[in-house]
Amino acid sequence: MPAGQKKLTEANLTVGYVAKRSGVKVSTLHFYETKFLIKSWRNNGNQRRYKPDVLRRVAVIKAAQAMGITLDEIKNTLATNPPKHTQHTKQP
């Protein structure tokens, strides 16, 4: 890996990058934050940054909405996941 380049798992993603990768508008990400569906943090320049796991979370939100599940139901379901929960399982 070239010097200065971080792995995606170590990255702090910009709102524009997350919007492009997830296929939603920046305003949608901001809306999801107001509904406590996703969270960001602010860097020293007061810019939003996201951890890479937000991409999976947005994908789950989009899929659930496509099935007609309300944002409140999605929020309640996501709240039951333990912190740092991933969907990966180790295969034997």
PDB file of N, CA and C in Angstrom:
ATOM      1  N   MET A   1       0.857  -1.168   0.000  1.00  0.00           N
ATOM      2  CA  MET A   1       0.000   0.000   0.000  1.00  0.00           C
ATOM      3  C   MET A   1       0.903   1.230   0.000  1.00  0.00           C
ATOM      4  N   PRO A   2       0.626   2.205  -0.875  1.00  0.00           N
ATOM      5  CA  PRO A   2       1.453   3.407  -0.918  1.00  0.00           C
ATOM      6  C   PRO A   2       1.423   4.163   0.404  1.00  0.00           C
ATOM      7  N   ALA A   3       2.523   4.843   0.682  1.00  0.00           N
ATOM      8  CA  ALA A   3       2.609   5.618   1.923  1.00  0.00           C
ATOM      9  C   ALA A   3       1.511   6.668   1.954  1.00  0.00           C
ATOM     10  N   GLY A   4       0.921   6.853   3.111  1.00  0.00           N
ATOM     11  CA  GLY A   4      -0.118   7.853   3.278  1.00  0.00           C
ATOM     12  C   GLY A   4      -1.515   7.378   2.904  1.00  0.00           C
ATOM     13  N   GLN A   5      -1.637   6.199   2.328  1.00  0.00           N
ATOM     14  CA  GLN A   5      -2.957   5.686   1.946  1.00  0.00           C
ATOM     15  C   GLN A   5      -3.447   4.745   3.039  1.00  0.00           C
ATOM     16  N   LYS A   6      -4.674   4.973   3.491  1.00  0.00           N
ATOM     17  CA  LYS A   6      -5.258   4.153   4.548  1.00  0.00           C
ATOM     18  C   LYS A   6      -6.113   3.059   3.947  1.00  0.00           C
ATOM     19  N   LYS A   7      -6.208   1.959   4.666  1.00  0.00           N
ATOM     20  CA  LYS A   7      -7.181   0.936   4.304  1.00  0.00           C
ATOM     21  C   LYS A   7      -8.566   1.498   4.537  1.00  0.00           C
ATOM     22  N   LEU A   8      -9.568   0.982   3.790  1.00  0.00           N
ATOM     23  CA  LEU A   8     -10.933   1.478   3.953  1.00  0.00           C
ATOM     24  C   LEU A   8     -11.413   1.298   5.388  1.00  0.00           C
ATOM     25  N   THR A   9     -11.004   0.216   6.038  1.00  0.00           N
ATOM     26  CA  THR A   9     -11.461  -0.034   7.406  1.00  0.00           C
ATOM     27  C   THR A   9     -10.916   0.996   8.387  1.00  0.00           C
ATOM     28  N   GLU A  10      -9.825   1.685   8.028  1.00  0.00           N
ATOM     29  CA  GLU A  10      -9.235   2.686   8.911  1.00  0.00           C
ATOM     30  C   GLU A  10      -9.652   4.094   8.520  1.00  0.00           C
ATOM     31  N   ALA A  11     -10.352   4.222   7.405  1.00  0.00           N
ATOM     32  CA  ALA A  11     -10.641   5.535   6.832  1.00  0.00           C
ATOM     33  C   ALA A  11     -11.733   6.272   7.579  1.00  0.00           C
ATOM     34  N   ASN A  12     -11.687   7.561   7.437  1.00  0.00           N
ATOM     35  CA  ASN A  12     -12.752   8.447   7.899  1.00  0.00           C
ATOM     36  C   ASN A  12     -13.312   9.080   6.634  1.00  0.00           C
ATOM     37  N   LEU A  13     -14.500   8.658   6.259  1.00  0.00           N
ATOM     38  CA  LEU A  13     -15.059   8.985   4.956  1.00  0.00           C
ATOM     39  C   LEU A  13     -15.796  10.313   4.967  1.00  0.00           C
ATOM     40  N   THR A  14     -15.669  11.058   3.862  1.00  0.00           N
ATOM     41  CA  THR A  14     -16.381  12.322   3.728  1.00  0.00           C
ATOM     42  C   THR A  14     -17.839  12.055   3.395  1.00  0.00           C
ATOM     43  N   VAL A  15     -18.679  13.053   3.634  1.00  0.00           N
ATOM     44  CA  VAL A  15     -20.098  12.920   3.334  1.00  0.00           C
ATOM     45  C   VAL A  15     -20.300  12.736   1.829  1.00  0.00           C
ATOM     46  N   GLY A  16     -19.510  13.413   1.015  1.00  0.00           N
ATOM     47  CA  GLY A  16     -19.626  13.265  -0.433  1.00  0.00           C
ATOM     48  C   GLY A  16     -19.268  11.872  -0.897  1.00  0.00           C
ATOM     49  N   TYR A  17     -18.224  11.290  -0.310  1.00  0.00           N
ATOM     50  CA  TYR A  17     -17.813   9.939  -0.657  1.00  0.00           C
ATOM     51  C   TYR A  17     -18.895   8.932  -0.274  1.00  0.00           C
ATOM     52  N   VAL A  18     -19.440   9.073   0.919  1.00  0.00           N
ATOM     53  CA  VAL A  18     -20.487   8.157   1.383  1.00  0.00           C
ATOM     54  C   VAL A  18     -21.720   8.284   0.495  1.00  0.00           C
ATOM     55  N   ALA A  19     -22.086   9.508   0.139  1.00  0.00           N
ATOM     56  CA  ALA A  19     -23.247   9.723  -0.721  1.00  0.00           C
ATOM     57  C   ALA A  19     -23.037   9.043  -2.076  1.00  0.00           C
ATOM     58  N   LYS A  20     -21.880   9.235  -2.665  1.00  0.00           N
ATOM     59  CA  LYS A  20     -21.599   8.642  -3.975  1.00  0.00           C
ATOM     60  C   LYS A  20     -21.584   7.120  -3.907  1.00  0.00           C
ATOM     61  N   ARG A  21     -20.890   6.565  -2.929  1.00  0.00           N
ATOM     62  CA  ARG A  21     -20.785   5.107  -2.796  1.00  0.00           C
ATOM     63  C   ARG A  21     -22.115   4.451  -2.465  1.00  0.00           C
ATOM     64  N   SER A  22     -22.943   5.135  -1.693  1.00  0.00           N
ATOM     65  CA  SER A  22     -24.206   4.532  -1.247  1.00  0.00           C
ATOM     66  C   SER A  22     -25.363   4.838  -2.197  1.00  0.00           C
ATOM     67  N   GLY A  23     -25.180   5.801  -3.073  1.00  0.00           N
ATOM     68  CA  GLY A  23     -26.233   6.140  -4.020  1.00  0.00           C
ATOM     69  C   GLY A  23     -27.358   6.974  -3.440  1.00  0.00           C
ATOM     70  N   VAL A  24     -27.079   7.701  -2.373  1.00  0.00           N
ATOM     71  CA  VAL A  24     -28.072   8.608  -1.802  1.00  0.00           C
ATOM     72  C   VAL A  24     -27.513  10.024  -1.823  1.00  0.00           C
ATOM     73  N   LYS A  25     -28.381  11.004  -1.712  1.00  0.00           N
ATOM     74  CA  LYS A  25     -27.958  12.399  -1.693  1.00  0.00           C
ATOM     75  C   LYS A  25     -27.339  12.752  -0.339  1.00  0.00           C
ATOM     76  N   VAL A  26     -26.500  13.760  -0.356  1.00  0.00           N
ATOM     77  CA  VAL A  26     -25.912  14.263   0.884  1.00  0.00           C
ATOM     78  C   VAL A  26     -27.015  14.670   1.854  1.00  0.00           C
ATOM     79  N   SER A  27     -28.046  15.300   1.337  1.00  0.00           N
ATOM     80  CA  SER A  27     -29.154  15.724   2.203  1.00  0.00           C
ATOM     81  C   SER A  27     -29.843  14.527   2.859  1.00  0.00           C
ATOM     82  N   THR A  28     -29.863  13.388   2.170  1.00  0.00           N
ATOM     83  CA  THR A  28     -30.447  12.170   2.750  1.00  0.00           C
ATOM     84  C   THR A  28     -29.604  11.688   3.920  1.00  0.00           C
ATOM     85  N   LEU A  29     -28.286  11.738   3.769  1.00  0.00           N
ATOM     86  CA  LEU A  29     -27.406  11.348   4.874  1.00  0.00           C
ATOM     87  C   LEU A  29     -27.620  12.269   6.072  1.00  0.00           C
ATOM     88  N   HIS A  30     -27.743  13.551   5.819  1.00  0.00           N
ATOM     89  CA  HIS A  30     -28.003  14.494   6.911  1.00  0.00           C
ATOM     90  C   HIS A  30     -29.341  14.173   7.589  1.00  0.00           C
ATOM     91  N   PHE A  31     -30.348  13.859   6.772  1.00  0.00           N
ATOM     92  CA  PHE A  31     -31.658  13.489   7.310  1.00  0.00           C
ATOM     93  C   PHE A  31     -31.558  12.224   8.172  1.00  0.00           C
ATOM     94  N   TYR A  32     -30.847  11.208   7.683  1.00  0.00           N
ATOM     95  CA  TYR A  32     -30.670   9.979   8.461  1.00  0.00           C
ATOM     96  C   TYR A  32     -30.011  10.277   9.804  1.00  0.00           C
ATOM     97  N   GLU A  33     -29.092  11.241   9.814  1.00  0.00           N
ATOM     98  CA  GLU A  33     -28.463  11.618  11.081  1.00  0.00           C
ATOM     99  C   GLU A  33     -29.462  12.250  12.036  1.00  0.00           C
ATOM    100  N   THR A  34     -30.345  13.093  11.507  1.00  0.00           N
ATOM    101  CA  THR A  34     -31.328  13.729  12.387  1.00  0.00           C
ATOM    102  C   THR A  34     -32.288  12.704  12.976  1.00  0.00           C
ATOM    103  N   LYS A  35     -32.471  11.580  12.287  1.00  0.00           N
ATOM    104  CA  LYS A  35     -33.335  10.502  12.764  1.00  0.00           C
ATOM    105  C   LYS A  35     -32.559   9.464  13.564  1.00  0.00           C
ATOM    106  N   PHE A  36     -31.262   9.716  13.790  1.00  0.00           N
ATOM    107  CA  PHE A  36     -30.384   8.827  14.555  1.00  0.00           C
ATOM    108  C   PHE A  36     -30.259   7.439  13.932  1.00  0.00           C
ATOM    109  N   LEU A  37     -30.334   7.384  12.609  1.00  0.00           N
ATOM    110  CA  LEU A  37     -30.136   6.125  11.892  1.00  0.00           C
ATOM    111  C   LEU A  37     -28.654   5.880  11.614  1.00  0.00           C
ATOM    112  N   ILE A  38     -27.907   6.956  11.416  1.00  0.00           N
ATOM    113  CA  ILE A  38     -26.459   6.890  11.218  1.00  0.00           C
ATOM    114  C   ILE A  38     -25.835   7.991  12.066  1.00  0.00           C
ATOM    115  N   LYS A  39     -24.526   7.929  12.227  1.00  0.00           N
ATOM    116  CA  LYS A  39     -23.863   8.985  12.974  1.00  0.00           C
ATOM    117  C   LYS A  39     -22.546   9.332  12.298  1.00  0.00           C
ATOM    118  N   SER A  40     -22.149  10.565  12.518  1.00  0.00           N
ATOM    119  CA  SER A  40     -20.878  11.051  12.011  1.00  0.00           C
ATOM    120  C   SER A  40     -20.156  11.752  13.154  1.00  0.00           C
ATOM    121  N   TRP A  41     -18.980  12.181  12.859  1.00  0.00           N
ATOM    122  CA  TRP A  41     -18.241  13.012  13.797  1.00  0.00           C
ATOM    123  C   TRP A  41     -17.645  14.150  12.989  1.00  0.00           C
ATOM    124  N   ARG A  42     -17.155  15.159  13.656  1.00  0.00           N
ATOM    125  CA  ARG A  42     -16.586  16.331  12.990  1.00  0.00           C
ATOM    126  C   ARG A  42     -15.069  16.336  13.155  1.00  0.00           C
ATOM    127  N   ASN A  43     -14.375  16.629  12.054  1.00  0.00           N
ATOM    128  CA  ASN A  43     -12.921  16.743  12.134  1.00  0.00           C
ATOM    129  C   ASN A  43     -12.545  18.145  12.612  1.00  0.00           C
ATOM    130  N   ASN A  44     -11.260  18.441  12.644  1.00  0.00           N
ATOM    131  CA  ASN A  44     -10.809  19.754  13.141  1.00  0.00           C
ATOM    132  C   ASN A  44     -11.324  20.901  12.289  1.00  0.00           C
ATOM    133  N   GLY A  45     -11.632  20.646  11.030  1.00  0.00           N
ATOM    134  CA  GLY A  45     -12.183  21.669  10.154  1.00  0.00           C
ATOM    135  C   GLY A  45     -13.697  21.725  10.198  1.00  0.00           C
ATOM    136  N   ASN A  46     -14.305  21.033  11.142  1.00  0.00           N
ATOM    137  CA  ASN A  46     -15.751  20.971  11.346  1.00  0.00           C
ATOM    138  C   ASN A  46     -16.481  20.298  10.171  1.00  0.00           C
ATOM    139  N   GLN A  47     -15.799  19.399   9.477  1.00  0.00           N
ATOM    140  CA  GLN A  47     -16.423  18.651   8.381  1.00  0.00           C
ATOM    141  C   GLN A  47     -16.863  17.288   8.883  1.00  0.00           C
ATOM    142  N   ARG A  48     -18.020  16.833   8.384  1.00  0.00           N
ATOM    143  CA  ARG A  48     -18.528  15.517   8.779  1.00  0.00           C
ATOM    144  C   ARG A  48     -17.593  14.420   8.273  1.00  0.00           C
ATOM    145  N   ARG A  49     -17.428  13.411   9.100  1.00  0.00           N
ATOM    146  CA  ARG A  49     -16.678  12.216   8.715  1.00  0.00           C
ATOM    147  C   ARG A  49     -17.458  11.004   9.202  1.00  0.00           C
ATOM    148  N   TYR A  50     -17.363   9.933   8.450  1.00  0.00           N
ATOM    149  CA  TYR A  50     -18.069   8.697   8.767  1.00  0.00           C
ATOM    150  C   TYR A  50     -17.091   7.547   8.819  1.00  0.00           C
ATOM    151  N   LYS A  51     -17.389   6.586   9.629  1.00  0.00           N
ATOM    152  CA  LYS A  51     -16.648   5.328   9.628  1.00  0.00           C
ATOM    153  C   LYS A  51     -17.170   4.480   8.467  1.00  0.00           C
ATOM    154  N   PRO A  52     -16.352   3.592   7.921  1.00  0.00           N
ATOM    155  CA  PRO A  52     -16.746   2.808   6.749  1.00  0.00           C
ATOM    156  C   PRO A  52     -18.000   1.957   6.937  1.00  0.00           C
ATOM    157  N   ASP A  53     -18.302   1.549   8.169  1.00  0.00           N
ATOM    158  CA  ASP A  53     -19.481   0.705   8.390  1.00  0.00           C
ATOM    159  C   ASP A  53     -20.790   1.429   8.092  1.00  0.00           C
ATOM    160  N   VAL A  54     -20.736   2.760   7.930  1.00  0.00           N
ATOM    161  CA  VAL A  54     -21.946   3.506   7.590  1.00  0.00           C
ATOM    162  C   VAL A  54     -22.454   3.112   6.197  1.00  0.00           C
ATOM    163  N   LEU A  55     -21.552   2.682   5.319  1.00  0.00           N
ATOM    164  CA  LEU A  55     -21.975   2.260   3.976  1.00  0.00           C
ATOM    165  C   LEU A  55     -22.917   1.067   4.051  1.00  0.00           C
ATOM    166  N   ARG A  56     -22.606   0.112   4.880  1.00  0.00           N
ATOM    167  CA  ARG A  56     -23.476  -1.056   5.050  1.00  0.00           C
ATOM    168  C   ARG A  56     -24.789  -0.644   5.705  1.00  0.00           C
ATOM    169  N   ARG A  57     -24.703   0.224   6.677  1.00  0.00           N
ATOM    170  CA  ARG A  57     -25.904   0.670   7.380  1.00  0.00           C
ATOM    171  C   ARG A  57     -26.858   1.395   6.426  1.00  0.00           C
ATOM    172  N   VAL A  58     -26.328   2.257   5.567  1.00  0.00           N
ATOM    173  CA  VAL A  58     -27.174   2.955   4.592  1.00  0.00           C
ATOM    174  C   VAL A  58     -27.792   1.946   3.623  1.00  0.00           C
ATOM    175  N   ALA A  59     -27.032   0.950   3.220  1.00  0.00           N
ATOM    176  CA  ALA A  59     -27.564  -0.086   2.319  1.00  0.00           C
ATOM    177  C   ALA A  59     -28.732  -0.818   2.980  1.00  0.00           C
ATOM    178  N   VAL A  60     -28.614  -1.114   4.255  1.00  0.00           N
ATOM    179  CA  VAL A  60     -29.692  -1.787   4.988  1.00  0.00           C
ATOM    180  C   VAL A  60     -30.913  -0.873   5.064  1.00  0.00           C
ATOM    181  N   ILE A  61     -30.682   0.401   5.345  1.00  0.00           N
ATOM    182  CA  ILE A  61     -31.796   1.356   5.425  1.00  0.00           C
ATOM    183  C   ILE A  61     -32.519   1.430   4.085  1.00  0.00           C
ATOM    184  N   LYS A  62     -31.764   1.556   3.001  1.00  0.00           N
ATOM    185  CA  LYS A  62     -32.368   1.641   1.672  1.00  0.00           C
ATOM    186  C   LYS A  62     -33.170   0.383   1.339  1.00  0.00           C
ATOM    187  N   ALA A  63     -32.623  -0.779   1.634  1.00  0.00           N
ATOM    188  CA  ALA A  63     -33.318  -2.040   1.345  1.00  0.00           C
ATOM    189  C   ALA A  63     -34.598  -2.152   2.167  1.00  0.00           C
ATOM    190  N   ALA A  64     -34.518  -1.783   3.431  1.00  0.00           N
ATOM    191  CA  ALA A  64     -35.697  -1.851   4.295  1.00  0.00           C
ATOM    192  C   ALA A  64     -36.782  -0.881   3.818  1.00  0.00           C
ATOM    193  N   GLN A  65     -36.386   0.310   3.433  1.00  0.00           N
ATOM    194  CA  GLN A  65     -37.358   1.276   2.924  1.00  0.00           C
ATOM    195  C   GLN A  65     -38.014   0.764   1.644  1.00  0.00           C
ATOM    196  N   ALA A  66     -37.242   0.113   0.795  1.00  0.00           N
ATOM    197  CA  ALA A  66     -37.786  -0.431  -0.450  1.00  0.00           C
ATOM    198  C   ALA A  66     -38.833  -1.503  -0.177  1.00  0.00           C
ATOM    199  N   MET A  67     -38.736  -2.141   0.981  1.00  0.00           N
ATOM    200  CA  MET A  67     -39.710  -3.166   1.363  1.00  0.00           C
ATOM    201  C   MET A  67     -40.893  -2.564   2.123  1.00  0.00           C
ATOM    202  N   GLY A  68     -40.888  -1.251   2.285  1.00  0.00           N
ATOM    203  CA  GLY A  68     -42.009  -0.601   2.943  1.00  0.00           C
ATOM    204  C   GLY A  68     -41.879  -0.460   4.446  1.00  0.00           C
ATOM    205  N   ILE A  69     -40.720  -0.703   4.978  1.00  0.00           N
ATOM    206  CA  ILE A  69     -40.503  -0.587   6.420  1.00  0.00           C
ATOM    207  C   ILE A  69     -40.270   0.884   6.754  1.00  0.00           C
ATOM    208  N   THR A  70     -40.895   1.368   7.802  1.00  0.00           N
ATOM    209  CA  THR A  70     -40.774   2.776   8.170  1.00  0.00           C
ATOM    210  C   THR A  70     -39.408   3.054   8.798  1.00  0.00           C
ATOM    211  N   LEU A  71     -39.030   4.325   8.772  1.00  0.00           N
ATOM    212  CA  LEU A  71     -37.752   4.712   9.377  1.00  0.00           C
ATOM    213  C   LEU A  71     -37.744   4.437  10.878  1.00  0.00           C
ATOM    214  N   ASP A  72     -38.872   4.623  11.548  1.00  0.00           N
ATOM    215  CA  ASP A  72     -38.933   4.313  12.983  1.00  0.00           C
ATOM    216  C   ASP A  72     -38.697   2.825  13.237  1.00  0.00           C
ATOM    217  N   GLU A  73     -39.291   1.975  12.410  1.00  0.00           N
ATOM    218  CA  GLU A  73     -39.081   0.532  12.553  1.00  0.00           C
ATOM    219  C   GLU A  73     -37.624   0.166  12.265  1.00  0.00           C
ATOM    220  N   ILE A  74     -37.048   0.802  11.260  1.00  0.00           N
ATOM    221  CA  ILE A  74     -35.638   0.553  10.932  1.00  0.00           C
ATOM    222  C   ILE A  74     -34.757   0.976  12.096  1.00  0.00           C
ATOM    223  N   LYS A  75     -35.024   2.151  12.639  1.00  0.00           N
ATOM    224  CA  LYS A  75     -34.245   2.662  13.771  1.00  0.00           C
ATOM    225  C   LYS A  75     -34.315   1.716  14.962  1.00  0.00           C
ATOM    226  N   ASN A  76     -35.508   1.247  15.277  1.00  0.00           N
ATOM    227  CA  ASN A  76     -35.677   0.326  16.406  1.00  0.00           C
ATOM    228  C   ASN A  76     -34.930  -0.981  16.179  1.00  0.00           C
ATOM    229  N   THR A  77     -34.973  -1.471  14.970  1.00  0.00           N
ATOM    230  CA  THR A  77     -34.276  -2.722  14.659  1.00  0.00           C
ATOM    231  C   THR A  77     -32.764  -2.536  14.719  1.00  0.00           C
ATOM    232  N   LEU A  78     -32.273  -1.459  14.121  1.00  0.00           N
ATOM    233  CA  LEU A  78     -30.837  -1.202  14.141  1.00  0.00           C
ATOM    234  C   LEU A  78     -30.328  -0.967  15.559  1.00  0.00           C
ATOM    235  N   ALA A  79     -31.165  -0.431  16.417  1.00  0.00           N
ATOM    236  CA  ALA A  79     -30.768  -0.171  17.802  1.00  0.00           C
ATOM    237  C   ALA A  79     -30.513  -1.455  18.579  1.00  0.00           C
ATOM    238  N   THR A  80     -31.047  -2.578  18.098  1.00  0.00           N
ATOM    239  CA  THR A  80     -30.847  -3.845  18.800  1.00  0.00           C
ATOM    240  C   THR A  80     -29.500  -4.478  18.466  1.00  0.00           C
ATOM    241  N   ASN A  81     -28.816  -3.975  17.423  1.00  0.00           N
ATOM    242  CA  ASN A  81     -27.499  -4.501  17.076  1.00  0.00           C
ATOM    243  C   ASN A  81     -26.472  -4.010  18.079  1.00  0.00           C
ATOM    244  N   PRO A  82     -25.568  -4.884  18.516  1.00  0.00           N
ATOM    245  CA  PRO A  82     -24.529  -4.433  19.432  1.00  0.00           C
ATOM    246  C   PRO A  82     -23.591  -3.459  18.713  1.00  0.00           C
ATOM    247  N   PRO A  83     -22.903  -2.607  19.462  1.00  0.00           N
ATOM    248  CA  PRO A  83     -21.950  -1.680  18.836  1.00  0.00           C
ATOM    249  C   PRO A  83     -20.909  -2.439  18.022  1.00  0.00           C
ATOM    250  N   LYS A  84     -20.507  -1.832  16.918  1.00  0.00           N
ATOM    251  CA  LYS A  84     -19.484  -2.403  16.039  1.00  0.00           C
ATOM    252  C   LYS A  84     -19.914  -3.741  15.465  1.00  0.00           C
ATOM    253  N   HIS A  85     -21.219  -4.031  15.445  1.00  0.00           N
ATOM    254  CA  HIS A  85     -21.731  -5.290  14.907  1.00  0.00           C
ATOM    255  C   HIS A  85     -21.531  -5.324  13.398  1.00  0.00           C
ATOM    256  N   THR A  86     -21.031  -6.420  12.899  1.00  0.00           N
ATOM    257  CA  THR A  86     -20.913  -6.589  11.455  1.00  0.00           C
ATOM    258  C   THR A  86     -21.721  -7.807  11.039  1.00  0.00           C
ATOM    259  N   GLN A  87     -22.037  -7.852   9.788  1.00  0.00           N
ATOM    260  CA  GLN A  87     -22.819  -8.960   9.264  1.00  0.00           C
ATOM    261  C   GLN A  87     -21.937 -10.104   8.805  1.00  0.00           C
ATOM    262  N   HIS A  88     -20.624  -9.961   8.915  1.00  0.00           N
ATOM    263  CA  HIS A  88     -19.728 -11.028   8.474  1.00  0.00           C
ATOM    264  C   HIS A  88     -19.741 -12.182   9.473  1.00  0.00           C
ATOM    265  N   THR A  89     -19.764 -13.368   8.955  1.00  0.00           N
ATOM    266  CA  THR A  89     -19.619 -14.532   9.813  1.00  0.00           C
ATOM    267  C   THR A  89     -18.467 -15.352   9.280  1.00  0.00           C
ATOM    268  N   LYS A  90     -17.741 -15.967  10.151  1.00  0.00           N
ATOM    269  CA  LYS A  90     -16.610 -16.780   9.757  1.00  0.00           C
ATOM    270  C   LYS A  90     -17.103 -18.145   9.322  1.00  0.00           C
ATOM    271  N   GLN A  91     -16.702 -18.533   8.147  1.00  0.00           N
ATOM    272  CA  GLN A  91     -17.084 -19.839   7.623  1.00  0.00           C
ATOM    273  C   GLN A  91     -16.111 -20.907   8.123  1.00  0.00           C
ATOM    274  N   PRO A  92     -16.616 -22.107   8.466  1.00  0.00           N
ATOM    275  CA  PRO A  92     -15.704 -23.155   8.947  1.00  0.00           C
ATOM    276  C   PRO A  92     -14.799 -23.642   7.854  1.00  0.00           C
TER     277      PRO A  92
END
